């Protein structure tokens, strides 16, 4: 019962924290130039969190530590290393397929309705919601293992990138001209995805499944899978859209802010030992 209470508390904290972080651009009075600058900063955060937070934490979760590490054979280690690439590629490919399906649907809507073209701009939201849902599965799976340290590591890793992801999503949608009421709905869906999936995963896995997850660390695979979806959204949609908006080349201040956003997650996680 105690682990259930902890997971519910973490899920609520994740929901509120993510929504508040994403609401920051909405409550600030920003000019078009500042919105664009925040959008560039948010894009940097998306890339930086995927590379400096999610992938390293996924790899750490995948490999056991302490006494359990000594029992791993060379063949087992090679299998774990291959899982890193497989998980990342699968996340990227799944997001690619979702993107293509949503784009095809948007084109059909556009043919029927001239205003339907704007729906194609919401692929970033779909991608981040899918990514957040996978995060929730990772947290729920970690909670079923009864290893509190693993659960807290996964939670901290998720929060370190959910906040900047929410911020980046909102600034991107603001820059695309989406009205604030609709942006709040997108933000709410994004904020709810991880907490809901964490609880569904936790309560949906039976006793036998919990025993399996205790011996096979599925949280690492789930986090690496989510990193693949994250990288797709950041590199295929957010960055190209911004590059097109600024005329193909960033100004000096925009480039500085982009690099700062990408480096910030790395600086936040330096010295973060488990």
C-alpha atoms as a PDB file:
ATOM      1  CA  UNK A   1       0.000   0.000   0.000  1.00  0.00           C
ATOM      2  CA  UNK A   2       2.890   2.329   0.759  1.00  0.00           C
ATOM      3  CA  UNK A   3       4.381   2.007  -2.736  1.00  0.00           C
ATOM      4  CA  UNK A   4       0.933   2.723  -4.218  1.00  0.00           C
ATOM      5  CA  UNK A   5       0.658   5.926  -2.163  1.00  0.00           C
ATOM      6  CA  UNK A   6       4.146   7.010  -3.257  1.00  0.00           C
ATOM      7  CA  UNK A   7       3.338   6.429  -6.938  1.00  0.00           C
ATOM      8  CA  UNK A   8       0.062   8.383  -6.691  1.00  0.00           C
ATOM      9  CA  UNK A   9       1.889  11.263  -4.998  1.00  0.00           C
ATOM     10  CA  UNK A  10       4.642  11.264  -7.643  1.00  0.00           C
ATOM     11  CA  UNK A  11       2.056  11.169 -10.431  1.00  0.00           C
ATOM     12  CA  UNK A  12       0.167  14.159  -8.992  1.00  0.00           C
ATOM     13  CA  UNK A  13       3.407  16.079  -8.518  1.00  0.00           C
ATOM     14  CA  UNK A  14       4.347  15.286 -12.116  1.00  0.00           C
ATOM     15  CA  UNK A  15       0.975  16.511 -13.399  1.00  0.00           C
ATOM     16  CA  UNK A  16       1.026  19.805 -11.484  1.00  0.00           C
ATOM     17  CA  UNK A  17       4.729  20.477 -12.084  1.00  0.00           C
ATOM     18  CA  UNK A  18       4.498  19.850 -15.806  1.00  0.00           C
ATOM     19  CA  UNK A  19       1.406  22.037 -16.220  1.00  0.00           C
ATOM     20  CA  UNK A  20       2.881  24.913 -14.204  1.00  0.00           C
ATOM     21  CA  UNK A  21       6.163  24.793 -16.152  1.00  0.00           C
ATOM     22  CA  UNK A  22       4.282  24.874 -19.433  1.00  0.00           C
ATOM     23  CA  UNK A  23       2.083  27.759 -18.249  1.00  0.00           C
ATOM     24  CA  UNK A  24       5.036  30.117 -17.712  1.00  0.00           C
ATOM     25  CA  UNK A  25       5.073  31.450 -21.310  1.00  0.00           C
ATOM     26  CA  UNK A  26       1.286  31.866 -21.208  1.00  0.00           C
ATOM     27  CA  UNK A  27       1.241  34.134 -18.132  1.00  0.00           C
ATOM     28  CA  UNK A  28       4.108  36.318 -19.335  1.00  0.00           C
ATOM     29  CA  UNK A  29       3.556  39.261 -21.638  1.00  0.00           C
ATOM     30  CA  UNK A  30       5.852  38.568 -24.588  1.00  0.00           C
ATOM     31  CA  UNK A  31       6.454  40.354 -27.867  1.00  0.00           C
ATOM     32  CA  UNK A  32       6.753  38.387 -31.127  1.00  0.00           C
ATOM     33  CA  UNK A  33      10.559  38.634 -30.969  1.00  0.00           C
ATOM     34  CA  UNK A  34      10.632  37.296 -27.393  1.00  0.00           C
ATOM     35  CA  UNK A  35       8.236  34.470 -28.248  1.00  0.00           C
ATOM     36  CA  UNK A  36      10.545  33.491 -31.099  1.00  0.00           C
ATOM     37  CA  UNK A  37      13.541  33.623 -28.760  1.00  0.00           C
ATOM     38  CA  UNK A  38      11.759  31.452 -26.184  1.00  0.00           C
ATOM     39  CA  UNK A  39      10.796  29.026 -28.975  1.00  0.00           C
ATOM     40  CA  UNK A  40      14.462  28.663 -29.949  1.00  0.00           C
ATOM     41  CA  UNK A  41      15.395  28.168 -26.283  1.00  0.00           C
ATOM     42  CA  UNK A  42      12.653  25.530 -25.906  1.00  0.00           C
ATOM     43  CA  UNK A  43      13.920  23.680 -28.984  1.00  0.00           C
ATOM     44  CA  UNK A  44      17.387  23.592 -27.458  1.00  0.00           C
ATOM     45  CA  UNK A  45      15.922  22.215 -24.234  1.00  0.00           C
ATOM     46  CA  UNK A  46      14.157  19.432 -26.127  1.00  0.00           C
ATOM     47  CA  UNK A  47      17.373  18.306 -27.818  1.00  0.00           C
ATOM     48  CA  UNK A  48      19.475  18.713 -24.672  1.00  0.00           C
ATOM     49  CA  UNK A  49      17.111  16.742 -22.444  1.00  0.00           C
ATOM     50  CA  UNK A  50      16.955  13.849 -24.910  1.00  0.00           C
ATOM     51  CA  UNK A  51      20.735  13.623 -25.273  1.00  0.00           C
ATOM     52  CA  UNK A  52      21.901  14.581 -21.758  1.00  0.00           C
ATOM     53  CA  UNK A  53      19.097  13.260 -19.531  1.00  0.00           C
ATOM     54  CA  UNK A  54      16.848  10.585 -21.030  1.00  0.00           C
ATOM     55  CA  UNK A  55      19.431   8.475 -22.885  1.00  0.00           C
ATOM     56  CA  UNK A  56      21.994   8.379 -20.030  1.00  0.00           C
ATOM     57  CA  UNK A  57      19.285   7.618 -17.446  1.00  0.00           C
ATOM     58  CA  UNK A  58      17.835   4.914 -19.700  1.00  0.00           C
ATOM     59  CA  UNK A  59      21.251   3.274 -20.029  1.00  0.00           C
ATOM     60  CA  UNK A  60      21.822   3.472 -16.253  1.00  0.00           C
ATOM     61  CA  UNK A  61      18.440   1.861 -15.631  1.00  0.00           C
ATOM     62  CA  UNK A  62      19.141  -0.850 -18.198  1.00  0.00           C
ATOM     63  CA  UNK A  63      22.363  -2.007 -16.558  1.00  0.00           C
ATOM     64  CA  UNK A  64      22.160  -3.419 -13.025  1.00  0.00           C
ATOM     65  CA  UNK A  65      24.439  -2.057 -10.343  1.00  0.00           C
ATOM     66  CA  UNK A  66      26.228  -3.445  -7.313  1.00  0.00           C
ATOM     67  CA  UNK A  67      26.345  -7.149  -6.705  1.00  0.00           C
ATOM     68  CA  UNK A  68      23.951  -7.925  -9.561  1.00  0.00           C
ATOM     69  CA  UNK A  69      26.479  -6.557 -12.093  1.00  0.00           C
ATOM     70  CA  UNK A  70      29.064  -9.229 -11.215  1.00  0.00           C
ATOM     71  CA  UNK A  71      26.688 -12.017 -12.234  1.00  0.00           C
ATOM     72  CA  UNK A  72      26.332 -10.716 -15.804  1.00  0.00           C
ATOM     73  CA  UNK A  73      28.249 -12.616 -18.486  1.00  0.00           C
ATOM     74  CA  UNK A  74      29.914 -11.063 -21.542  1.00  0.00           C
ATOM     75  CA  UNK A  75      27.103 -12.335 -23.795  1.00  0.00           C
ATOM     76  CA  UNK A  76      24.513 -10.726 -21.512  1.00  0.00           C
ATOM     77  CA  UNK A  77      26.368  -7.412 -21.647  1.00  0.00           C
ATOM     78  CA  UNK A  78      26.429  -7.477 -25.451  1.00  0.00           C
ATOM     79  CA  UNK A  79      22.686  -8.160 -25.504  1.00  0.00           C
ATOM     80  CA  UNK A  80      22.067  -5.164 -23.232  1.00  0.00           C
ATOM     81  CA  UNK A  81      24.198  -2.925 -25.444  1.00  0.00           C
ATOM     82  CA  UNK A  82      22.268  -4.005 -28.530  1.00  0.00           C
ATOM     83  CA  UNK A  83      19.013  -3.183 -26.703  1.00  0.00           C
ATOM     84  CA  UNK A  84      20.124   0.453 -26.438  1.00  0.00           C
ATOM     85  CA  UNK A  85      20.186   0.908 -30.213  1.00  0.00           C
ATOM     86  CA  UNK A  86      17.057  -1.172 -30.786  1.00  0.00           C
ATOM     87  CA  UNK A  87      15.031   0.817 -28.233  1.00  0.00           C
ATOM     88  CA  UNK A  88      16.155   4.189 -29.622  1.00  0.00           C
ATOM     89  CA  UNK A  89      15.447   3.213 -33.237  1.00  0.00           C
ATOM     90  CA  UNK A  90      12.052   1.711 -32.388  1.00  0.00           C
ATOM     91  CA  UNK A  91      11.016   4.906 -30.612  1.00  0.00           C
ATOM     92  CA  UNK A  92      12.097   6.984 -33.612  1.00  0.00           C
ATOM     93  CA  UNK A  93      10.354   4.667 -36.110  1.00  0.00           C
ATOM     94  CA  UNK A  94       7.097   4.479 -34.131  1.00  0.00           C
ATOM     95  CA  UNK A  95       7.002   8.274 -33.974  1.00  0.00           C
ATOM     96  CA  UNK A  96       7.719   8.419 -37.717  1.00  0.00           C
ATOM     97  CA  UNK A  97       4.767   6.135 -38.444  1.00  0.00           C
ATOM     98  CA  UNK A  98       2.447   8.123 -36.154  1.00  0.00           C
ATOM     99  CA  UNK A  99       3.618  11.319 -37.837  1.00  0.00           C
ATOM    100  CA  UNK A 100       2.958   9.963 -41.313  1.00  0.00           C
ATOM    101  CA  UNK A 101      -0.523   8.755 -40.347  1.00  0.00           C
ATOM    102  CA  UNK A 102      -1.419  12.126 -38.801  1.00  0.00           C
ATOM    103  CA  UNK A 103      -0.006  13.992 -41.821  1.00  0.00           C
ATOM    104  CA  UNK A 104      -2.051  11.886 -44.247  1.00  0.00           C
ATOM    105  CA  UNK A 105      -5.171  12.542 -42.195  1.00  0.00           C
ATOM    106  CA  UNK A 106      -4.403  16.264 -42.131  1.00  0.00           C
ATOM    107  CA  UNK A 107      -4.127  16.310 -45.916  1.00  0.00           C
ATOM    108  CA  UNK A 108      -7.521  14.618 -46.218  1.00  0.00           C
ATOM    109  CA  UNK A 109      -9.028  17.222 -43.888  1.00  0.00           C
ATOM    110  CA  UNK A 110      -7.346  19.995 -45.844  1.00  0.00           C
ATOM    111  CA  UNK A 111      -8.974  18.793 -49.058  1.00  0.00           C
ATOM    112  CA  UNK A 112     -12.392  18.806 -47.380  1.00  0.00           C
ATOM    113  CA  UNK A 113     -11.838  22.033 -45.479  1.00  0.00           C
ATOM    114  CA  UNK A 114      -9.410  24.817 -46.329  1.00  0.00           C
ATOM    115  CA  UNK A 115      -8.878  25.527 -42.630  1.00  0.00           C
ATOM    116  CA  UNK A 116      -7.740  21.971 -41.989  1.00  0.00           C
ATOM    117  CA  UNK A 117      -4.109  22.761 -42.830  1.00  0.00           C
ATOM    118  CA  UNK A 118      -3.497  24.021 -39.322  1.00  0.00           C
ATOM    119  CA  UNK A 119      -4.030  20.533 -37.886  1.00  0.00           C
ATOM    120  CA  UNK A 120      -0.707  19.469 -39.393  1.00  0.00           C
ATOM    121  CA  UNK A 121       1.048  21.807 -36.956  1.00  0.00           C
ATOM    122  CA  UNK A 122      -0.020  19.718 -33.957  1.00  0.00           C
ATOM    123  CA  UNK A 123       2.240  16.764 -34.730  1.00  0.00           C
ATOM    124  CA  UNK A 124       4.694  18.065 -32.140  1.00  0.00           C
ATOM    125  CA  UNK A 125       1.982  17.739 -29.505  1.00  0.00           C
ATOM    126  CA  UNK A 126       1.159  14.195 -30.614  1.00  0.00           C
ATOM    127  CA  UNK A 127       4.828  13.239 -30.481  1.00  0.00           C
ATOM    128  CA  UNK A 128       5.401  14.687 -27.028  1.00  0.00           C
ATOM    129  CA  UNK A 129       2.208  13.074 -25.700  1.00  0.00           C
ATOM    130  CA  UNK A 130       3.382   9.685 -26.989  1.00  0.00           C
ATOM    131  CA  UNK A 131       6.764  10.337 -25.396  1.00  0.00           C
ATOM    132  CA  UNK A 132       5.132  11.351 -22.094  1.00  0.00           C
ATOM    133  CA  UNK A 133       2.971   8.217 -22.169  1.00  0.00           C
ATOM    134  CA  UNK A 134       6.082   6.045 -22.524  1.00  0.00           C
ATOM    135  CA  UNK A 135       7.612   7.960 -19.598  1.00  0.00           C
ATOM    136  CA  UNK A 136       4.548   7.020 -17.568  1.00  0.00           C
ATOM    137  CA  UNK A 137       4.962   3.357 -18.501  1.00  0.00           C
ATOM    138  CA  UNK A 138       8.606   3.559 -17.365  1.00  0.00           C
ATOM    139  CA  UNK A 139       7.607   5.040 -13.993  1.00  0.00           C
ATOM    140  CA  UNK A 140       4.793   2.535 -13.488  1.00  0.00           C
ATOM    141  CA  UNK A 141       7.128  -0.342 -14.377  1.00  0.00           C
ATOM    142  CA  UNK A 142       9.749   0.979 -11.960  1.00  0.00           C
ATOM    143  CA  UNK A 143       7.145   1.175  -9.184  1.00  0.00           C
ATOM    144  CA  UNK A 144       6.181  -2.486  -9.696  1.00  0.00           C
ATOM    145  CA  UNK A 145       9.752  -3.642  -9.036  1.00  0.00           C
ATOM    146  CA  UNK A 146       9.545  -2.477  -5.388  1.00  0.00           C
ATOM    147  CA  UNK A 147      12.990  -0.891  -5.811  1.00  0.00           C
ATOM    148  CA  UNK A 148      12.397   2.601  -4.423  1.00  0.00           C
ATOM    149  CA  UNK A 149      15.794   3.858  -5.565  1.00  0.00           C
ATOM    150  CA  UNK A 150      15.064   2.895  -9.192  1.00  0.00           C
ATOM    151  CA  UNK A 151      11.611   4.484  -8.996  1.00  0.00           C
ATOM    152  CA  UNK A 152      13.027   7.772  -7.672  1.00  0.00           C
ATOM    153  CA  UNK A 153      15.782   7.840 -10.315  1.00  0.00           C
ATOM    154  CA  UNK A 154      13.192   7.379 -13.070  1.00  0.00           C
ATOM    155  CA  UNK A 155      10.942  10.037 -11.505  1.00  0.00           C
ATOM    156  CA  UNK A 156      13.753  12.607 -11.245  1.00  0.00           C
ATOM    157  CA  UNK A 157      14.849  11.870 -14.813  1.00  0.00           C
ATOM    158  CA  UNK A 158      11.280  12.324 -16.086  1.00  0.00           C
ATOM    159  CA  UNK A 159      10.781  15.590 -14.208  1.00  0.00           C
ATOM    160  CA  UNK A 160      14.107  16.949 -15.460  1.00  0.00           C
ATOM    161  CA  UNK A 161      12.839  16.738 -19.011  1.00  0.00           C
ATOM    162  CA  UNK A 162       9.053  17.036 -18.632  1.00  0.00           C
ATOM    163  CA  UNK A 163       9.288  20.614 -17.373  1.00  0.00           C
ATOM    164  CA  UNK A 164      11.443  21.889 -20.278  1.00  0.00           C
ATOM    165  CA  UNK A 165       9.421  19.776 -22.717  1.00  0.00           C
ATOM    166  CA  UNK A 166       6.184  21.411 -21.538  1.00  0.00           C
ATOM    167  CA  UNK A 167       7.821  24.828 -21.790  1.00  0.00           C
ATOM    168  CA  UNK A 168       9.155  24.033 -25.259  1.00  0.00           C
ATOM    169  CA  UNK A 169       5.803  22.715 -26.471  1.00  0.00           C
ATOM    170  CA  UNK A 170       3.901  25.816 -25.353  1.00  0.00           C
ATOM    171  CA  UNK A 171       6.402  28.279 -26.833  1.00  0.00           C
ATOM    172  CA  UNK A 172       6.382  26.315 -30.101  1.00  0.00           C
ATOM    173  CA  UNK A 173       2.568  26.402 -30.320  1.00  0.00           C
ATOM    174  CA  UNK A 174       2.538  30.110 -29.417  1.00  0.00           C
ATOM    175  CA  UNK A 175       5.017  30.752 -32.191  1.00  0.00           C
ATOM    176  CA  UNK A 176       2.769  28.831 -34.593  1.00  0.00           C
ATOM    177  CA  UNK A 177      -0.104  31.215 -33.756  1.00  0.00           C
ATOM    178  CA  UNK A 178      -2.327  28.727 -31.905  1.00  0.00           C
ATOM    179  CA  UNK A 179      -4.796  30.479 -29.588  1.00  0.00           C
ATOM    180  CA  UNK A 180      -4.059  30.303 -25.860  1.00  0.00           C
ATOM    181  CA  UNK A 181      -7.201  28.373 -24.941  1.00  0.00           C
ATOM    182  CA  UNK A 182      -6.274  25.593 -27.328  1.00  0.00           C
ATOM    183  CA  UNK A 183      -2.664  25.666 -26.144  1.00  0.00           C
ATOM    184  CA  UNK A 184      -3.848  25.071 -22.565  1.00  0.00           C
ATOM    185  CA  UNK A 185      -5.815  22.027 -23.741  1.00  0.00           C
ATOM    186  CA  UNK A 186      -2.722  20.654 -25.477  1.00  0.00           C
ATOM    187  CA  UNK A 187      -0.662  21.319 -22.353  1.00  0.00           C
ATOM    188  CA  UNK A 188      -3.236  19.553 -20.156  1.00  0.00           C
ATOM    189  CA  UNK A 189      -3.241  16.468 -22.388  1.00  0.00           C
ATOM    190  CA  UNK A 190       0.566  16.412 -22.361  1.00  0.00           C
ATOM    191  CA  UNK A 191       0.672  16.849 -18.565  1.00  0.00           C
ATOM    192  CA  UNK A 192      -1.888  14.071 -17.975  1.00  0.00           C
ATOM    193  CA  UNK A 193      -0.276  11.480 -20.262  1.00  0.00           C
ATOM    194  CA  UNK A 194       2.601  10.355 -18.025  1.00  0.00           C
ATOM    195  CA  UNK A 195       0.701  10.267 -14.686  1.00  0.00           C
ATOM    196  CA  UNK A 196      -2.224   8.333 -16.185  1.00  0.00           C
ATOM    197  CA  UNK A 197      -0.019   5.779 -17.940  1.00  0.00           C
ATOM    198  CA  UNK A 198       2.112   5.302 -14.839  1.00  0.00           C
ATOM    199  CA  UNK A 199      -0.979   4.382 -12.789  1.00  0.00           C
ATOM    200  CA  UNK A 200      -2.457   2.210 -15.573  1.00  0.00           C
ATOM    201  CA  UNK A 201       0.855   0.366 -15.917  1.00  0.00           C
ATOM    202  CA  UNK A 202       1.234  -0.127 -12.174  1.00  0.00           C
ATOM    203  CA  UNK A 203      -2.294  -1.416 -11.553  1.00  0.00           C
ATOM    204  CA  UNK A 204      -2.442  -3.323 -14.849  1.00  0.00           C
ATOM    205  CA  UNK A 205       0.608  -5.509 -14.218  1.00  0.00           C
ATOM    206  CA  UNK A 206      -0.155  -8.647 -12.226  1.00  0.00           C
ATOM    207  CA  UNK A 207       1.988 -10.388  -9.628  1.00  0.00           C
ATOM    208  CA  UNK A 208       3.742 -12.558 -12.204  1.00  0.00           C
ATOM    209  CA  UNK A 209       4.527  -9.515 -14.328  1.00  0.00           C
ATOM    210  CA  UNK A 210       5.953  -7.679 -11.320  1.00  0.00           C
ATOM    211  CA  UNK A 211       8.285 -10.573 -10.611  1.00  0.00           C
ATOM    212  CA  UNK A 212       9.456 -10.539 -14.220  1.00  0.00           C
ATOM    213  CA  UNK A 213      10.135  -6.788 -14.142  1.00  0.00           C
ATOM    214  CA  UNK A 214      12.129  -7.232 -10.957  1.00  0.00           C
ATOM    215  CA  UNK A 215      14.577  -9.476 -12.824  1.00  0.00           C
ATOM    216  CA  UNK A 216      14.454  -7.771 -16.239  1.00  0.00           C
ATOM    217  CA  UNK A 217      14.820  -3.995 -16.068  1.00  0.00           C
ATOM    218  CA  UNK A 218      12.119  -2.831 -18.463  1.00  0.00           C
ATOM    219  CA  UNK A 219      12.349   0.774 -17.251  1.00  0.00           C
ATOM    220  CA  UNK A 220      15.605   1.326 -19.124  1.00  0.00           C
ATOM    221  CA  UNK A 221      14.113   0.017 -22.363  1.00  0.00           C
ATOM    222  CA  UNK A 222      11.022   2.213 -21.916  1.00  0.00           C
ATOM    223  CA  UNK A 223      13.127   5.333 -21.277  1.00  0.00           C
ATOM    224  CA  UNK A 224      15.353   4.687 -24.300  1.00  0.00           C
ATOM    225  CA  UNK A 225      12.260   4.103 -26.428  1.00  0.00           C
ATOM    226  CA  UNK A 226      10.870   7.441 -25.245  1.00  0.00           C
ATOM    227  CA  UNK A 227      14.209   9.085 -26.060  1.00  0.00           C
ATOM    228  CA  UNK A 228      13.780   7.936 -29.655  1.00  0.00           C
ATOM    229  CA  UNK A 229      10.345   9.578 -29.857  1.00  0.00           C
ATOM    230  CA  UNK A 230      11.747  12.711 -28.227  1.00  0.00           C
ATOM    231  CA  UNK A 231      14.595  12.992 -30.733  1.00  0.00           C
ATOM    232  CA  UNK A 232      12.161  12.602 -33.623  1.00  0.00           C
ATOM    233  CA  UNK A 233       9.964  15.449 -32.421  1.00  0.00           C
ATOM    234  CA  UNK A 234      12.907  17.757 -31.737  1.00  0.00           C
ATOM    235  CA  UNK A 235      14.899  17.116 -34.918  1.00  0.00           C
ATOM    236  CA  UNK A 236      12.187  16.427 -37.499  1.00  0.00           C
ATOM    237  CA  UNK A 237       9.576  19.003 -36.447  1.00  0.00           C
ATOM    238  CA  UNK A 238      10.576  21.628 -33.916  1.00  0.00           C
ATOM    239  CA  UNK A 239      14.054  22.579 -35.175  1.00  0.00           C
ATOM    240  CA  UNK A 240      13.157  22.535 -38.930  1.00  0.00           C
ATOM    241  CA  UNK A 241      10.027  24.611 -38.260  1.00  0.00           C
ATOM    242  CA  UNK A 242      12.059  27.215 -36.365  1.00  0.00           C
ATOM    243  CA  UNK A 243      14.794  27.246 -38.991  1.00  0.00           C
ATOM    244  CA  UNK A 244      12.205  27.917 -41.670  1.00  0.00           C
ATOM    245  CA  UNK A 245      10.651  30.686 -39.554  1.00  0.00           C
ATOM    246  CA  UNK A 246      13.930  32.562 -39.166  1.00  0.00           C
ATOM    247  CA  UNK A 247      14.740  32.374 -42.857  1.00  0.00           C
ATOM    248  CA  UNK A 248      17.129  29.428 -42.820  1.00  0.00           C
ATOM    249  CA  UNK A 249      19.749  30.847 -40.449  1.00  0.00           C
ATOM    250  CA  UNK A 250      19.618  31.834 -36.771  1.00  0.00           C
ATOM    251  CA  UNK A 251      20.782  35.249 -35.659  1.00  0.00           C
ATOM    252  CA  UNK A 252      23.656  35.424 -33.186  1.00  0.00           C
ATOM    253  CA  UNK A 253      21.390  35.881 -30.140  1.00  0.00           C
ATOM    254  CA  UNK A 254      19.082  33.075 -31.306  1.00  0.00           C
ATOM    255  CA  UNK A 255      22.013  30.731 -31.869  1.00  0.00           C
ATOM    256  CA  UNK A 256      23.352  31.565 -28.402  1.00  0.00           C
ATOM    257  CA  UNK A 257      19.963  30.844 -26.809  1.00  0.00           C
ATOM    258  CA  UNK A 258      19.645  27.582 -28.776  1.00  0.00           C
ATOM    259  CA  UNK A 259      23.050  26.368 -27.558  1.00  0.00           C
ATOM    260  CA  UNK A 260      22.229  27.524 -24.017  1.00  0.00           C
ATOM    261  CA  UNK A 261      18.979  25.545 -24.054  1.00  0.00           C
ATOM    262  CA  UNK A 262      20.776  22.430 -25.305  1.00  0.00           C
ATOM    263  CA  UNK A 263      23.532  22.746 -22.678  1.00  0.00           C
ATOM    264  CA  UNK A 264      21.288  23.571 -19.707  1.00  0.00           C
ATOM    265  CA  UNK A 265      20.066  19.982 -19.060  1.00  0.00           C
ATOM    266  CA  UNK A 266      23.672  18.813 -19.199  1.00  0.00           C
ATOM    267  CA  UNK A 267      24.718  21.421 -16.631  1.00  0.00           C
ATOM    268  CA  UNK A 268      21.779  20.515 -14.371  1.00  0.00           C
ATOM    269  CA  UNK A 269      22.682  16.824 -14.394  1.00  0.00           C
ATOM    270  CA  UNK A 270      26.456  17.227 -13.923  1.00  0.00           C
ATOM    271  CA  UNK A 271      27.463  15.736 -10.595  1.00  0.00           C
ATOM    272  CA  UNK A 272      24.071  13.975 -10.354  1.00  0.00           C
ATOM    273  CA  UNK A 273      25.224  10.619  -8.982  1.00  0.00           C
ATOM    274  CA  UNK A 274      23.072   7.584  -8.224  1.00  0.00           C
END
